[in-house]
C-alpha atoms as a PDB file:
ATOM      1  CA  UNK A   1       0.000   0.000   0.000  1.00  0.00           C
ATOM      2  CA  UNK A   2       1.257   3.399  -0.891  1.00  0.00           C
ATOM      3  CA  UNK A   3       1.376   6.347   1.462  1.00  0.00           C
ATOM      4  CA  UNK A   4      -1.437   8.040  -0.447  1.00  0.00           C
ATOM      5  CA  UNK A   5      -3.659   4.957  -0.044  1.00  0.00           C
ATOM      6  CA  UNK A   6      -3.034   4.859   3.695  1.00  0.00           C
ATOM      7  CA  UNK A   7      -3.890   8.554   4.036  1.00  0.00           C
ATOM      8  CA  UNK A   8      -7.125   8.219   2.045  1.00  0.00           C
ATOM      9  CA  UNK A   9      -8.215   5.157   4.025  1.00  0.00           C
ATOM     10  CA  UNK A  10      -7.347   6.857   7.322  1.00  0.00           C
ATOM     11  CA  UNK A  11      -9.432   9.871   6.394  1.00  0.00           C
ATOM     12  CA  UNK A  12     -12.290   7.487   5.649  1.00  0.00           C
ATOM     13  CA  UNK A  13     -11.929   5.859   9.064  1.00  0.00           C
ATOM     14  CA  UNK A  14     -12.065   9.229  10.830  1.00  0.00           C
ATOM     15  CA  UNK A  15     -15.031  10.477   8.787  1.00  0.00           C
ATOM     16  CA  UNK A  16     -16.845   7.185   9.354  1.00  0.00           C
ATOM     17  CA  UNK A  17     -16.232   7.303  13.102  1.00  0.00           C
ATOM     18  CA  UNK A  18     -17.652  10.815  13.285  1.00  0.00           C
ATOM     19  CA  UNK A  19     -20.657   9.781  11.203  1.00  0.00           C
ATOM     20  CA  UNK A  20     -21.216   6.675  13.343  1.00  0.00           C
ATOM     21  CA  UNK A  21     -21.200   8.639  16.563  1.00  0.00           C
ATOM     22  CA  UNK A  22     -23.445  11.301  15.043  1.00  0.00           C
ATOM     23  CA  UNK A  23     -25.897   8.591  14.050  1.00  0.00           C
ATOM     24  CA  UNK A  24     -25.897   7.256  17.615  1.00  0.00           C
ATOM     25  CA  UNK A  25     -26.338  10.740  19.059  1.00  0.00           C
ATOM     26  CA  UNK A  26     -29.095  11.973  16.762  1.00  0.00           C
ATOM     27  CA  UNK A  27     -30.942   8.768  15.821  1.00  0.00           C
ATOM     28  CA  UNK A  28     -29.814   6.115  18.282  1.00  0.00           C
ATOM     29  CA  UNK A  29     -32.031   3.397  19.684  1.00  0.00           C
ATOM     30  CA  UNK A  30     -34.752   4.219  22.189  1.00  0.00           C
ATOM     31  CA  UNK A  31     -35.327   0.690  23.474  1.00  0.00           C
ATOM     32  CA  UNK A  32     -31.652  -0.295  23.830  1.00  0.00           C
ATOM     33  CA  UNK A  33     -32.108  -3.561  21.929  1.00  0.00           C
ATOM     34  CA  UNK A  34     -30.479  -2.452  18.676  1.00  0.00           C
ATOM     35  CA  UNK A  35     -27.166  -4.224  18.148  1.00  0.00           C
ATOM     36  CA  UNK A  36     -25.231  -1.397  16.498  1.00  0.00           C
ATOM     37  CA  UNK A  37     -26.820   1.788  17.789  1.00  0.00           C
ATOM     38  CA  UNK A  38     -27.478   0.851  21.417  1.00  0.00           C
ATOM     39  CA  UNK A  39     -23.967   1.906  22.544  1.00  0.00           C
ATOM     40  CA  UNK A  40     -21.813   4.739  21.198  1.00  0.00           C
ATOM     41  CA  UNK A  41     -18.712   2.539  20.890  1.00  0.00           C
ATOM     42  CA  UNK A  42     -20.542   0.073  18.647  1.00  0.00           C
ATOM     43  CA  UNK A  43     -21.852   2.692  16.252  1.00  0.00           C
ATOM     44  CA  UNK A  44     -18.505   4.512  16.194  1.00  0.00           C
ATOM     45  CA  UNK A  45     -16.564   1.338  15.374  1.00  0.00           C
ATOM     46  CA  UNK A  46     -19.092   0.284  12.760  1.00  0.00           C
ATOM     47  CA  UNK A  47     -18.992   3.733  11.165  1.00  0.00           C
ATOM     48  CA  UNK A  48     -15.197   3.770  11.094  1.00  0.00           C
ATOM     49  CA  UNK A  49     -15.120   0.341   9.446  1.00  0.00           C
ATOM     50  CA  UNK A  50     -17.644   1.368   6.803  1.00  0.00           C
ATOM     51  CA  UNK A  51     -15.879   4.705   6.209  1.00  0.00           C
ATOM     52  CA  UNK A  52     -12.527   2.998   5.758  1.00  0.00           C
ATOM     53  CA  UNK A  53     -13.978   0.509   3.302  1.00  0.00           C
ATOM     54  CA  UNK A  54     -15.838   3.202   1.382  1.00  0.00           C
ATOM     55  CA  UNK A  55     -12.857   5.529   1.042  1.00  0.00           C
ATOM     56  CA  UNK A  56     -10.622   2.583   0.126  1.00  0.00           C
ATOM     57  CA  UNK A  57     -12.693   2.218  -3.051  1.00  0.00           C
ATOM     58  CA  UNK A  58     -11.207   5.510  -4.290  1.00  0.00           C
ATOM     59  CA  UNK A  59      -7.604   4.310  -4.056  1.00  0.00           C
ATOM     60  CA  UNK A  60      -6.123   3.552  -7.457  1.00  0.00           C
ATOM     61  CA  UNK A  61      -3.640   0.684  -7.583  1.00  0.00           C
ATOM     62  CA  UNK A  62      -0.684   0.680  -9.938  1.00  0.00           C
ATOM     63  CA  UNK A  63      -0.517  -2.217 -12.356  1.00  0.00           C
END
């Protein structure tokens, strides 16, 4: 992995973590039975994983 790919993926992880926590804070789960949104750590980790995967799609590999 190149340095540029690591930077882009890291930005995706940070953006995803912020989005995951924002989803927990603003939407959340009223009953507490939701697997992802019942705790802030779960939604933050899930968001960071999804953000990293999404931003990793924009990395161009050399052939």
